[in-house]
PDB file of N, CA and C in Angstrom:
ATOM      1  N   MET A   1       0.548  -0.953   0.369  1.00  0.00           N
ATOM      2  CA  MET A   1       0.173  -0.252  -0.307  1.00  0.00           C
ATOM      3  C   MET A   1       1.059   1.139   0.144  1.00  0.00           C
ATOM      4  N   TRP A   2       2.223   1.095   0.937  1.00  0.00           N
ATOM      5  CA  TRP A   2       2.634   2.530   0.747  1.00  0.00           C
ATOM      6  C   TRP A   2       3.740   3.111  -0.595  1.00  0.00           C
ATOM      7  N   MET A   3       3.909   1.895  -1.191  1.00  0.00           N
ATOM      8  CA  MET A   3       4.411   1.697  -2.580  1.00  0.00           C
ATOM      9  C   MET A   3       3.548   2.586  -3.570  1.00  0.00           C
ATOM     10  N   GLY A   4       2.030   2.029  -3.508  1.00  0.00           N
ATOM     11  CA  GLY A   4       1.253   2.445  -4.060  1.00  0.00           C
ATOM     12  C   GLY A   4       1.196   3.975  -4.105  1.00  0.00           C
ATOM     13  N   ILE A   5       0.846   4.792  -2.737  1.00  0.00           N
ATOM     14  CA  ILE A   5       0.812   6.133  -2.127  1.00  0.00           C
ATOM     15  C   ILE A   5       1.837   6.441  -2.967  1.00  0.00           C
ATOM     16  N   GLN A   6       2.721   6.172  -3.007  1.00  0.00           N
ATOM     17  CA  GLN A   6       4.262   6.830  -3.470  1.00  0.00           C
ATOM     18  C   GLN A   6       3.840   7.198  -4.650  1.00  0.00           C
ATOM     19  N   LYS A   7       3.651   6.247  -5.466  1.00  0.00           N
ATOM     20  CA  LYS A   7       3.797   6.183  -6.941  1.00  0.00           C
ATOM     21  C   LYS A   7       2.332   7.096  -7.247  1.00  0.00           C
ATOM     22  N   ILE A   8       1.715   7.118  -6.966  1.00  0.00           N
ATOM     23  CA  ILE A   8       0.439   8.294  -6.854  1.00  0.00           C
ATOM     24  C   ILE A   8       1.073   9.671  -6.764  1.00  0.00           C
ATOM     25  N   ARG A   9       1.761   9.867  -5.815  1.00  0.00           N
ATOM     26  CA  ARG A   9       1.891  11.347  -5.215  1.00  0.00           C
ATOM     27  C   ARG A   9       3.644  11.698  -5.821  1.00  0.00           C
ATOM     28  N   SER A  10       4.364  10.354  -6.526  1.00  0.00           N
ATOM     29  CA  SER A  10       4.916  11.101  -7.443  1.00  0.00           C
ATOM     30  C   SER A  10       4.784  11.331  -9.179  1.00  0.00           C
ATOM     31  N   ALA A  11       3.171  11.049  -9.514  1.00  0.00           N
ATOM     32  CA  ALA A  11       3.102  10.854 -10.712  1.00  0.00           C
ATOM     33  C   ALA A  11       2.396  12.347 -10.566  1.00  0.00           C
ATOM     34  N   PHE A  12       2.126  13.075  -9.126  1.00  0.00           N
ATOM     35  CA  PHE A  12       1.169  14.245  -9.431  1.00  0.00           C
ATOM     36  C   PHE A  12       3.106  14.993  -9.466  1.00  0.00           C
ATOM     37  N   GLU A  13       3.858  14.681  -8.827  1.00  0.00           N
ATOM     38  CA  GLU A  13       5.135  15.975  -8.702  1.00  0.00           C
ATOM     39  C   GLU A  13       5.879  15.459  -9.901  1.00  0.00           C
ATOM     40  N   ASP A  14       6.048  15.071 -10.608  1.00  0.00           N
ATOM     41  CA  ASP A  14       6.653  14.447 -11.603  1.00  0.00           C
ATOM     42  C   ASP A  14       6.069  14.810 -13.141  1.00  0.00           C
ATOM     43  N   SER A  15       4.797  15.284 -13.263  1.00  0.00           N
ATOM     44  CA  SER A  15       3.937  14.689 -14.721  1.00  0.00           C
ATOM     45  C   SER A  15       4.567  15.728 -15.467  1.00  0.00           C
ATOM     46  N   ALA A  16       5.328  16.976 -15.032  1.00  0.00           N
ATOM     47  CA  ALA A  16       5.781  17.942 -16.329  1.00  0.00           C
ATOM     48  C   ALA A  16       7.179  17.168 -17.182  1.00  0.00           C
ATOM     49  N   ALA A  17       7.846  16.144 -15.992  1.00  0.00           N
ATOM     50  CA  ALA A  17       9.074  15.504 -16.490  1.00  0.00           C
ATOM     51  C   ALA A  17       8.428  14.006 -17.162  1.00  0.00           C
ATOM     52  N   ILE A  18       7.713  13.690 -17.102  1.00  0.00           N
ATOM     53  CA  ILE A  18       7.244  12.563 -18.116  1.00  0.00           C
ATOM     54  C   ILE A  18       7.370  12.693 -19.196  1.00  0.00           C
ATOM     55  N   GLU A  19       8.280  11.580 -19.913  1.00  0.00           N
ATOM     56  CA  GLU A  19       8.709  11.639 -21.065  1.00  0.00           C
ATOM     57  C   GLU A  19       7.473  10.730 -21.834  1.00  0.00           C
ATOM     58  N   LYS A  20       7.152  10.679 -22.892  1.00  0.00           N
ATOM     59  CA  LYS A  20       6.117  10.262 -23.556  1.00  0.00           C
ATOM     60  C   LYS A  20       6.800   8.238 -24.420  1.00  0.00           C
ATOM     61  N   ALA A  21       5.808   7.757 -24.069  1.00  0.00           N
ATOM     62  CA  ALA A  21       6.268   6.497 -23.978  1.00  0.00           C
ATOM     63  C   ALA A  21       6.727   5.927 -25.709  1.00  0.00           C
ATOM     64  N   PRO A  22       7.679   5.130 -26.009  1.00  0.00           N
ATOM     65  CA  PRO A  22       7.614   5.019 -27.544  1.00  0.00           C
ATOM     66  C   PRO A  22       6.486   4.396 -28.371  1.00  0.00           C
ATOM     67  N   ALA A  23       6.156   4.573 -29.770  1.00  0.00           N
ATOM     68  CA  ALA A  23       5.189   4.253 -30.317  1.00  0.00           C
ATOM     69  C   ALA A  23       4.827   2.492 -30.343  1.00  0.00           C
ATOM     70  N   VAL A  24       4.260   2.010 -29.868  1.00  0.00           N
ATOM     71  CA  VAL A  24       4.858   0.185 -30.693  1.00  0.00           C
ATOM     72  C   VAL A  24       3.123   0.401 -31.228  1.00  0.00           C
ATOM     73  N   THR A  25       3.471  -1.089 -32.614  1.00  0.00           N
ATOM     74  CA  THR A  25       2.383  -1.110 -32.994  1.00  0.00           C
ATOM     75  C   THR A  25       2.023  -2.231 -33.172  1.00  0.00           C
ATOM     76  N   LEU A  26       0.241  -2.366 -33.427  1.00  0.00           N
ATOM     77  CA  LEU A  26      -0.666  -3.330 -32.797  1.00  0.00           C
ATOM     78  C   LEU A  26      -0.405  -4.529 -33.562  1.00  0.00           C
ATOM     79  N   LYS A  27       0.708  -4.894 -34.223  1.00  0.00           N
ATOM     80  CA  LYS A  27       0.881  -6.429 -34.519  1.00  0.00           C
ATOM     81  C   LYS A  27       1.646  -6.742 -33.197  1.00  0.00           C
ATOM     82  N   SER A  28       2.355  -5.871 -32.927  1.00  0.00           N
ATOM     83  CA  SER A  28       3.792  -6.070 -31.412  1.00  0.00           C
ATOM     84  C   SER A  28       3.068  -6.686 -30.168  1.00  0.00           C
ATOM     85  N   LEU A  29       1.840  -5.665 -30.034  1.00  0.00           N
ATOM     86  CA  LEU A  29       1.055  -5.712 -28.783  1.00  0.00           C
ATOM     87  C   LEU A  29      -0.022  -6.587 -29.151  1.00  0.00           C
ATOM     88  N   TRP A  30      -0.097  -7.154 -30.823  1.00  0.00           N
ATOM     89  CA  TRP A  30      -1.396  -8.358 -30.362  1.00  0.00           C
ATOM     90  C   TRP A  30      -0.653  -9.538 -30.213  1.00  0.00           C
ATOM     91  N   LEU A  31       0.655  -9.730 -30.783  1.00  0.00           N
ATOM     92  CA  LEU A  31       1.332 -10.923 -30.907  1.00  0.00           C
ATOM     93  C   LEU A  31       1.542 -11.123 -29.536  1.00  0.00           C
ATOM     94  N   LYS A  32       1.745 -10.545 -28.546  1.00  0.00           N
ATOM     95  CA  LYS A  32       2.666 -10.236 -27.300  1.00  0.00           C
ATOM     96  C   LYS A  32       1.181 -10.700 -26.322  1.00  0.00           C
ATOM     97  N   GLY A  33      -0.136 -10.404 -26.715  1.00  0.00           N
ATOM     98  CA  GLY A  33      -1.423 -11.105 -25.947  1.00  0.00           C
ATOM     99  C   GLY A  33      -1.246 -12.599 -26.369  1.00  0.00           C
ATOM    100  N   PHE A  34      -0.745 -12.500 -27.685  1.00  0.00           N
ATOM    101  CA  PHE A  34      -1.424 -13.865 -28.292  1.00  0.00           C
ATOM    102  C   PHE A  34      -0.599 -15.036 -27.590  1.00  0.00           C
ATOM    103  N   VAL A  35       0.580 -14.957 -27.378  1.00  0.00           N
ATOM    104  CA  VAL A  35       1.750 -15.355 -26.654  1.00  0.00           C
ATOM    105  C   VAL A  35       1.843 -15.549 -25.660  1.00  0.00           C
ATOM    106  N   THR A  36       1.328 -14.633 -24.349  1.00  0.00           N
ATOM    107  CA  THR A  36       1.305 -14.762 -23.338  1.00  0.00           C
ATOM    108  C   THR A  36      -0.419 -15.803 -23.215  1.00  0.00           C
ATOM    109  N   SER A  37      -1.274 -15.461 -24.126  1.00  0.00           N
ATOM    110  CA  SER A  37      -2.472 -15.701 -23.643  1.00  0.00           C
ATOM    111  C   SER A  37      -2.180 -18.091 -23.991  1.00  0.00           C
ATOM    112  N   VAL A  38      -1.538 -18.211 -25.074  1.00  0.00           N
ATOM    113  CA  VAL A  38      -0.796 -19.206 -25.439  1.00  0.00           C
ATOM    114  C   VAL A  38      -0.304 -20.524 -24.100  1.00  0.00           C
ATOM    115  N   ALA A  39       0.930 -19.659 -23.599  1.00  0.00           N
ATOM    116  CA  ALA A  39       1.285 -20.357 -23.175  1.00  0.00           C
ATOM    117  C   ALA A  39       0.882 -20.204 -21.628  1.00  0.00           C
ATOM    118  N   ASN A  40      -0.082 -19.506 -21.068  1.00  0.00           N
ATOM    119  CA  ASN A  40      -1.024 -19.532 -20.061  1.00  0.00           C
ATOM    120  C   ASN A  40      -1.396 -21.104 -19.932  1.00  0.00           C
ATOM    121  N   PRO A  41      -1.328 -22.001 -18.646  1.00  0.00           N
ATOM    122  CA  PRO A  41      -1.649 -23.616 -18.377  1.00  0.00           C
ATOM    123  C   PRO A  41      -3.228 -23.196 -17.904  1.00  0.00           C
ATOM    124  N   LYS A  42      -3.199 -22.213 -17.446  1.00  0.00           N
ATOM    125  CA  LYS A  42      -4.878 -22.663 -16.702  1.00  0.00           C
ATOM    126  C   LYS A  42      -5.939 -22.396 -17.716  1.00  0.00           C
ATOM    127  N   ALA A  43      -5.319 -21.891 -19.146  1.00  0.00           N
ATOM    128  CA  ALA A  43      -6.097 -21.851 -19.935  1.00  0.00           C
ATOM    129  C   ALA A  43      -6.799 -23.471 -20.661  1.00  0.00           C
ATOM    130  N   VAL A  44      -5.730 -24.568 -20.995  1.00  0.00           N
ATOM    131  CA  VAL A  44      -6.774 -25.610 -21.106  1.00  0.00           C
ATOM    132  C   VAL A  44      -7.491 -26.203 -19.880  1.00  0.00           C
ATOM    133  N   VAL A  45      -6.785 -26.039 -18.459  1.00  0.00           N
ATOM    134  CA  VAL A  45      -8.102 -26.294 -17.546  1.00  0.00           C
ATOM    135  C   VAL A  45      -9.429 -25.562 -17.774  1.00  0.00           C
ATOM    136  N   PHE A  46      -9.561 -24.628 -18.124  1.00  0.00           N
ATOM    137  CA  PHE A  46     -10.913 -23.684 -18.695  1.00  0.00           C
ATOM    138  C   PHE A  46     -11.753 -23.884 -19.334  1.00  0.00           C
ATOM    139  N   PHE A  47     -10.675 -24.522 -20.499  1.00  0.00           N
ATOM    140  CA  PHE A  47     -11.340 -25.050 -21.731  1.00  0.00           C
ATOM    141  C   PHE A  47     -11.811 -26.252 -21.496  1.00  0.00           C
ATOM    142  N   ALA A  48     -11.216 -27.478 -21.029  1.00  0.00           N
ATOM    143  CA  ALA A  48     -12.024 -28.504 -20.421  1.00  0.00           C
ATOM    144  C   ALA A  48     -12.862 -28.656 -19.380  1.00  0.00           C
ATOM    145  N   ALA A  49     -12.943 -27.560 -18.224  1.00  0.00           N
ATOM    146  CA  ALA A  49     -14.080 -27.819 -17.666  1.00  0.00           C
ATOM    147  C   ALA A  49     -15.171 -27.267 -18.342  1.00  0.00           C
ATOM    148  N   LEU A  50     -15.232 -26.071 -19.111  1.00  0.00           N
ATOM    149  CA  LEU A  50     -16.275 -25.750 -20.545  1.00  0.00           C
ATOM    150  C   LEU A  50     -16.279 -26.375 -20.943  1.00  0.00           C
ATOM    151  N   PHE A  51     -15.716 -26.380 -22.047  1.00  0.00           N
ATOM    152  CA  PHE A  51     -16.285 -27.243 -22.804  1.00  0.00           C
ATOM    153  C   PHE A  51     -17.364 -28.291 -23.203  1.00  0.00           C
ATOM    154  N   THR A  52     -16.487 -29.482 -22.034  1.00  0.00           N
ATOM    155  CA  THR A  52     -16.699 -30.334 -21.671  1.00  0.00           C
ATOM    156  C   THR A  52     -18.550 -30.561 -21.677  1.00  0.00           C
ATOM    157  N   GLN A  53     -18.915 -29.668 -20.746  1.00  0.00           N
ATOM    158  CA  GLN A  53     -20.559 -29.283 -20.304  1.00  0.00           C
ATOM    159  C   GLN A  53     -21.316 -29.027 -21.679  1.00  0.00           C
ATOM    160  N   PHE A  54     -21.069 -28.633 -22.903  1.00  0.00           N
ATOM    161  CA  PHE A  54     -21.562 -28.180 -24.134  1.00  0.00           C
ATOM    162  C   PHE A  54     -21.827 -29.276 -24.795  1.00  0.00           C
ATOM    163  N   ILE A  55     -20.500 -30.774 -24.711  1.00  0.00           N
ATOM    164  CA  ILE A  55     -20.247 -31.112 -26.449  1.00  0.00           C
ATOM    165  C   ILE A  55     -21.642 -32.472 -26.156  1.00  0.00           C
ATOM    166  N   SER A  56     -22.129 -32.636 -27.273  1.00  0.00           N
ATOM    167  CA  SER A  56     -22.833 -34.044 -27.186  1.00  0.00           C
ATOM    168  C   SER A  56     -21.962 -35.595 -27.519  1.00  0.00           C
ATOM    169  N   GLN A  57     -22.288 -36.689 -27.159  1.00  0.00           N
ATOM    170  CA  GLN A  57     -21.463 -37.629 -27.654  1.00  0.00           C
ATOM    171  C   GLN A  57     -22.331 -38.068 -28.747  1.00  0.00           C
ATOM    172  N   GLU A  58     -23.397 -37.536 -29.460  1.00  0.00           N
ATOM    173  CA  GLU A  58     -24.794 -38.291 -30.250  1.00  0.00           C
ATOM    174  C   GLU A  58     -24.162 -37.709 -31.773  1.00  0.00           C
ATOM    175  N   ILE A  59     -23.130 -36.682 -31.866  1.00  0.00           N
ATOM    176  CA  ILE A  59     -22.568 -35.918 -32.738  1.00  0.00           C
ATOM    177  C   ILE A  59     -21.400 -35.415 -32.772  1.00  0.00           C
ATOM    178  N   ALA A  60     -21.238 -35.588 -34.279  1.00  0.00           N
ATOM    179  CA  ALA A  60     -19.690 -35.402 -34.572  1.00  0.00           C
ATOM    180  C   ALA A  60     -18.151 -34.509 -33.807  1.00  0.00           C
ATOM    181  N   LEU A  61     -17.206 -34.972 -32.851  1.00  0.00           N
ATOM    182  CA  LEU A  61     -16.756 -33.993 -31.560  1.00  0.00           C
ATOM    183  C   LEU A  61     -16.110 -32.573 -32.536  1.00  0.00           C
ATOM    184  N   MET A  62     -15.692 -32.569 -33.780  1.00  0.00           N
ATOM    185  CA  MET A  62     -14.866 -32.241 -34.433  1.00  0.00           C
ATOM    186  C   MET A  62     -15.575 -30.299 -34.858  1.00  0.00           C
ATOM    187  N   PRO A  63     -16.761 -30.659 -35.567  1.00  0.00           N
ATOM    188  CA  PRO A  63     -17.703 -29.544 -35.832  1.00  0.00           C
ATOM    189  C   PRO A  63     -17.682 -28.674 -34.509  1.00  0.00           C
ATOM    190  N   GLN A  64     -17.885 -29.425 -33.177  1.00  0.00           N
ATOM    191  CA  GLN A  64     -18.461 -29.477 -32.207  1.00  0.00           C
ATOM    192  C   GLN A  64     -16.960 -28.059 -31.544  1.00  0.00           C
ATOM    193  N   ILE A  65     -16.131 -28.538 -31.739  1.00  0.00           N
ATOM    194  CA  ILE A  65     -14.548 -28.018 -30.618  1.00  0.00           C
ATOM    195  C   ILE A  65     -15.073 -26.661 -31.883  1.00  0.00           C
ATOM    196  N   LEU A  66     -14.953 -27.420 -32.740  1.00  0.00           N
ATOM    197  CA  LEU A  66     -14.739 -25.586 -34.318  1.00  0.00           C
ATOM    198  C   LEU A  66     -15.661 -24.400 -33.845  1.00  0.00           C
ATOM    199  N   ILE A  67     -17.142 -24.949 -33.365  1.00  0.00           N
ATOM    200  CA  ILE A  67     -17.969 -24.004 -32.902  1.00  0.00           C
ATOM    201  C   ILE A  67     -17.917 -23.591 -31.738  1.00  0.00           C
ATOM    202  N   LEU A  68     -18.068 -23.925 -30.497  1.00  0.00           N
ATOM    203  CA  LEU A  68     -17.224 -23.660 -29.303  1.00  0.00           C
ATOM    204  C   LEU A  68     -16.485 -22.811 -29.438  1.00  0.00           C
ATOM    205  N   GLY A  69     -15.415 -23.559 -29.851  1.00  0.00           N
ATOM    206  CA  GLY A  69     -13.464 -22.418 -29.854  1.00  0.00           C
ATOM    207  C   GLY A  69     -13.868 -21.061 -30.968  1.00  0.00           C
ATOM    208  N   VAL A  70     -14.665 -21.498 -31.856  1.00  0.00           N
ATOM    209  CA  VAL A  70     -14.937 -19.614 -32.945  1.00  0.00           C
ATOM    210  C   VAL A  70     -15.745 -18.680 -32.059  1.00  0.00           C
ATOM    211  N   THR A  71     -16.919 -19.490 -31.456  1.00  0.00           N
ATOM    212  CA  THR A  71     -17.886 -18.658 -30.970  1.00  0.00           C
ATOM    213  C   THR A  71     -16.981 -17.872 -29.311  1.00  0.00           C
ATOM    214  N   TYR A  72     -16.193 -19.010 -29.006  1.00  0.00           N
ATOM    215  CA  TYR A  72     -15.630 -17.944 -27.664  1.00  0.00           C
ATOM    216  C   TYR A  72     -14.179 -16.948 -28.200  1.00  0.00           C
ATOM    217  N   ILE A  73     -13.562 -17.305 -29.586  1.00  0.00           N
ATOM    218  CA  ILE A  73     -12.826 -16.006 -29.928  1.00  0.00           C
ATOM    219  C   ILE A  73     -13.630 -14.991 -30.207  1.00  0.00           C
ATOM    220  N   LEU A  74     -14.534 -14.908 -30.880  1.00  0.00           N
ATOM    221  CA  LEU A  74     -14.934 -13.332 -31.359  1.00  0.00           C
ATOM    222  C   LEU A  74     -15.402 -13.280 -29.919  1.00  0.00           C
ATOM    223  N   VAL A  75     -16.682 -13.677 -28.793  1.00  0.00           N
ATOM    224  CA  VAL A  75     -16.996 -13.178 -28.018  1.00  0.00           C
ATOM    225  C   VAL A  75     -15.482 -12.336 -26.754  1.00  0.00           C
ATOM    226  N   ASP A  76     -14.575 -13.489 -26.655  1.00  0.00           N
ATOM    227  CA  ASP A  76     -13.148 -13.115 -26.090  1.00  0.00           C
ATOM    228  C   ASP A  76     -12.523 -11.617 -27.134  1.00  0.00           C
ATOM    229  N   GLY A  77     -12.783 -11.570 -28.101  1.00  0.00           N
ATOM    230  CA  GLY A  77     -12.201 -10.401 -28.931  1.00  0.00           C
ATOM    231  C   GLY A  77     -12.718  -9.388 -28.247  1.00  0.00           C
ATOM    232  N   LEU A  78     -14.127  -9.342 -28.514  1.00  0.00           N
ATOM    233  CA  LEU A  78     -15.112  -7.893 -28.779  1.00  0.00           C
ATOM    234  C   LEU A  78     -15.090  -7.686 -27.144  1.00  0.00           C
ATOM    235  N   PHE A  79     -14.805  -8.001 -26.139  1.00  0.00           N
ATOM    236  CA  PHE A  79     -14.596  -8.045 -24.927  1.00  0.00           C
ATOM    237  C   PHE A  79     -13.250  -7.378 -24.602  1.00  0.00           C
ATOM    238  N   LEU A  80     -12.062  -7.655 -25.305  1.00  0.00           N
ATOM    239  CA  LEU A  80     -10.350  -7.333 -25.187  1.00  0.00           C
ATOM    240  C   LEU A  80     -10.816  -5.415 -25.953  1.00  0.00           C
ATOM    241  N   THR A  81     -11.555  -6.224 -27.278  1.00  0.00           N
ATOM    242  CA  THR A  81     -11.012  -4.870 -28.040  1.00  0.00           C
ATOM    243  C   THR A  81     -12.134  -3.572 -27.165  1.00  0.00           C
ATOM    244  N   ALA A  82     -13.175  -3.843 -26.400  1.00  0.00           N
ATOM    245  CA  ALA A  82     -13.827  -2.794 -26.036  1.00  0.00           C
ATOM    246  C   ALA A  82     -12.807  -2.416 -24.750  1.00  0.00           C
ATOM    247  N   TYR A  83     -12.009  -3.531 -24.314  1.00  0.00           N
ATOM    248  CA  TYR A  83     -11.445  -2.903 -22.723  1.00  0.00           C
ATOM    249  C   TYR A  83     -10.063  -2.364 -23.481  1.00  0.00           C
ATOM    250  N   GLY A  84      -9.808  -2.211 -24.247  1.00  0.00           N
ATOM    251  CA  GLY A  84      -8.703  -1.795 -25.024  1.00  0.00           C
ATOM    252  C   GLY A  84      -8.784  -0.381 -25.474  1.00  0.00           C
ATOM    253  N   LYS A  85     -10.046  -0.185 -26.494  1.00  0.00           N
ATOM    254  CA  LYS A  85     -11.012   0.739 -26.909  1.00  0.00           C
ATOM    255  C   LYS A  85     -10.811   1.429 -25.399  1.00  0.00           C
ATOM    256  N   SER A  86     -11.036   0.874 -24.052  1.00  0.00           N
ATOM    257  CA  SER A  86     -11.621   2.180 -23.084  1.00  0.00           C
ATOM    258  C   SER A  86     -10.231   2.429 -22.591  1.00  0.00           C
ATOM    259  N   ALA A  87      -9.258   1.188 -22.320  1.00  0.00           N
ATOM    260  CA  ALA A  87      -8.349   1.782 -22.067  1.00  0.00           C
ATOM    261  C   ALA A  87      -7.854   2.898 -23.221  1.00  0.00           C
ATOM    262  N   SER A  88      -7.532   3.331 -24.235  1.00  0.00           N
ATOM    263  CA  SER A  88      -7.188   3.762 -24.865  1.00  0.00           C
ATOM    264  C   SER A  88      -7.745   5.537 -25.049  1.00  0.00           C
ATOM    265  N   TRP A  89      -9.022   4.962 -24.555  1.00  0.00           N
ATOM    266  CA  TRP A  89     -10.315   6.640 -24.718  1.00  0.00           C
ATOM    267  C   TRP A  89      -9.467   7.454 -23.087  1.00  0.00           C
ATOM    268  N   LEU A  90      -9.137   6.311 -21.584  1.00  0.00           N
ATOM    269  CA  LEU A  90      -8.922   6.505 -21.018  1.00  0.00           C
ATOM    270  C   LEU A  90      -7.873   7.586 -21.057  1.00  0.00           C
ATOM    271  N   ALA A  91      -6.463   6.950 -21.318  1.00  0.00           N
ATOM    272  CA  ALA A  91      -5.288   7.799 -21.474  1.00  0.00           C
ATOM    273  C   ALA A  91      -5.552   8.967 -22.350  1.00  0.00           C
ATOM    274  N   GLN A  92      -5.957   8.804 -23.394  1.00  0.00           N
ATOM    275  CA  GLN A  92      -6.061   9.962 -23.731  1.00  0.00           C
ATOM    276  C   GLN A  92      -6.533  11.177 -23.249  1.00  0.00           C
ATOM    277  N   HIS A  93      -7.651  11.285 -22.158  1.00  0.00           N
ATOM    278  CA  HIS A  93      -8.428  11.789 -20.942  1.00  0.00           C
ATOM    279  C   HIS A  93      -7.705  11.829 -19.769  1.00  0.00           C
TER     280      HIS A  93
END
């Protein structure tokens, strides 16, 4: 807590001396996020717990996995885009 308070106080004191961060490309940000997500072992546990509830044994397995995977990627992509746009808006204001 003490470190957080010190950081907040120093932000107000050093606001004129802050240098702009170097520009980062969207591709490098996306790649960094993708590698971080793929390397996360919790994702395997999450999908094993989530997908098994929605997979039927009477239907072919691959189409079900593809539909669930694409649906998850679309929904997650929309949420992450909203988070990113919100953070960008907050950073500009």
